[in-house]
Amino acid sequence: MLAQKLHLLRHNVLSFVSSRTGSDLTRRQYDVIVVGGGHAGTEAAAAAARLGAETLLITQKIMTIGALSCNPSLGGVGKGQLVREVDALDGLCGRAGDWAGVHFSILNRSKGPAVWGPRAQLDRERYRQFIQSELLSTPRLTVLEGSVDELLVSQPNPEEPGHHRVTGIRLVDGSHPILSSSVVLTTGTFLSGSLFMGQTTSPGGRMGDAQSCAGLSYTLKETLGLRVGRLRTGTPPRIVKESVDLSLAQLQAPDKQPTPFSFLNTHTRCKPEEQLPCYLTHTTPGVERVVRESVHLNCHIQQDTKGPRYCPSIESRVLRFPGRRHQVWLEPEGLTSDLLYPQGLSMTMPPDLQLRLLREIPALHRAEIRTPGYGVQYDFVCPTQLTPSLQVKTTQGLFLAGQINGTTGYEEAAAQGLWAGVNAGRTALSLPPMALSRTQSYIGVLIDDLVGRGVTEPYRMFTSRAEFRTYLRPDNADLRLTPRGFEEVGCVTLRRYKKAVSVRDGLQEALMALQSVALSSTRWREKLGNISLSENKSTTLNGLDLLQYKDVSFEMLASAFPECLSQYFEYSQRLKIEAVYRPHCEKQSREMERIRREESLSLPSDMDYLSLPVSLSQEVREILDRVRPNTANHCQLLELLGSNTG
């Protein structure tokens, strides 16, 4: 079915573009308007529409919806967990990754399954086509090509907190205003974006696209009075594959059996034998020499705007860590693409020096550049001004998601976009907003970190940010989120819900079956042979207890007791993981419950911290008055106060 939709996509998009402009929309009012067609915007628009809200997605170019602006990959450590959770809530990116992936691998396999990182290299064209096909066939979703000039703002509803209320948008072309109950801004790097290459600067958020509108930034800063900062990022040059000597790089093969992102998929579109390899190489002293000789020609690197700590440019890495060899991954851009993406070589020096730098690496000594690398600087809104629903505290109906909140990465953007879309839709439909606890999901951790602690540099997700990562695993995201997404939130389809319930019930039956098989240590050794059970262990162990041992698999237990366990083979890996982590999760449950209670204690939005009759320093009072924390979350408040009073 999807293949048929993709076959018709190009014709549909071309006819859609010609028939949908700001001046001839068939309606002038929507429940939700989403501004921006990147990873945050596509998930936001789809989520709002799934909730039942009439939704309008506005993007500069319909043909760039779903474009992978930087690296052609999805997932990774921490990021893969976000993709799985977005999928569990019926988002798009997981299924798109399964459709477009050309190299699948699980990162961190040497560690426990809780911190495994599902990851895939993607075919750019396939990913873009999948996202466009899904959006353009989504009921209640209209896509409009255009640029937003300003937000329409009115007096707030006096019964709700806030100083303003957003009522819609106005396009640059001067057409009639388009009204809505909620607006989601997912502007990415386009909010007052500037492009940098060498000593050249031009307005824009992505090379080849129209520049962003100053009117939207003005509305946020001047009309709504939001605190706005400045961040930067960059992208590497794209290299012609035939010009690279891959015999001088180390081949990195994909997993023999691809692991899908989506809980709905049992296999990926790309067959195991069709997957493409990646290659690993390293920088040389010559690379460092070129960087140092070109610093005076590189205005992007000379500025003090904060860039991504965990994905820095090669200039930043060389200047920060002189004398080191740095990894460079040569990654495919698609099954039929003639380009390679040099992960680790983001750079903003002049194009001729970019070529010279590349050729200092042995595998790239004859490299040719198709498009040079460049840097981007853009505005972001300080996210402590948002509620956990991602609504601006002072502005009713305005939601923000993605890089506008100070994050970096497709996965972080998609996660925020989905949750902002959910709450924008619920607000428009007169339903109460919802929050995700950091004890329930990585999405909850991400949002809690943003709105509770803010950012000083582009935020990236890691498993280390989650206190309860042994529970928030990639394998159980469907059990944690899908039932709630259907029963409470309203963003999950019945088909996915039924599948999740079936899996949940099957796993529960399997766990009960394992617990029903109980033997002494001696009898287990007789049954299973050479397993490392203590000779002195005299207690009775059930099957679930035994599955906690490293050298015991579910298949071994099912072979010993086929009559009660063989029917659960499909859950074998999930049962093993559940058995390993269950004791630790049970120990953590009390702490998780305490945090949930504190998260449920909302602090009044108009609390007067400056005169509060408690023992607090003036500095702390001013911090609390500025940040205005949403809940009494003990961890959040302690970190907030401790990090600012030392």
Foldseek 3Di string as FASTA:
>chain_A
DLVVLLVCLVVVQVVLQVQFALARDPDQEWAEEEEEQELLRLLLLLLLVLLPTQYEYEYQGLLCRQAPQAFQKAKDFQRLLLLLLCQLLVGDQQQLCLAFFQFWAWPPPVDAQLGIMTMGGGQRVSSSSRSSSVQVPRPSYRYHNFAFQAWDWDADDVVAFAGIATFFTATPVRHDTRGHRFYEYECALQAQKWKFAFQDIDADRGPPGDHHHPRHVCCVCPVRNFDKDKAKEKHAFKWQQVQFQQVLWAKAHGDQAHDGSHPVDPHGPQHSVRHDIKTKFKFDVQLLVLLVVRVVRGVVVVDPHFEDPVQDALSVCCVVPPPDIDMWMWDDNHSPDRITGTRRHTDRYHPVSSLVSQLNTPRNVRIDTPGGMMMMMHMATFQLQADQLQARRRYRNYHYFDCNLQADDSSRRNLRSNSNSLQSSCVSVVHDRDHDDLLQESSNLSSCCRNLPTDPHHDDGHCVSRPPSLPSGSVCSSVRPNVCSVPPRSSHDPVSNVVSVVVVVLLVLLVVLQQVAKDFPVVVCVQQPDDPDDPPRGDIDTRLQVLLGPPDWLVSVCVSVVVRHVVSVVCGVVSSSCSNSVVVVVVCVVVSVVQVVQQVAFDDQPDQLCPPPDDDDNQLSVQCVVSVDGTRRVVSSCCSVVVRPD
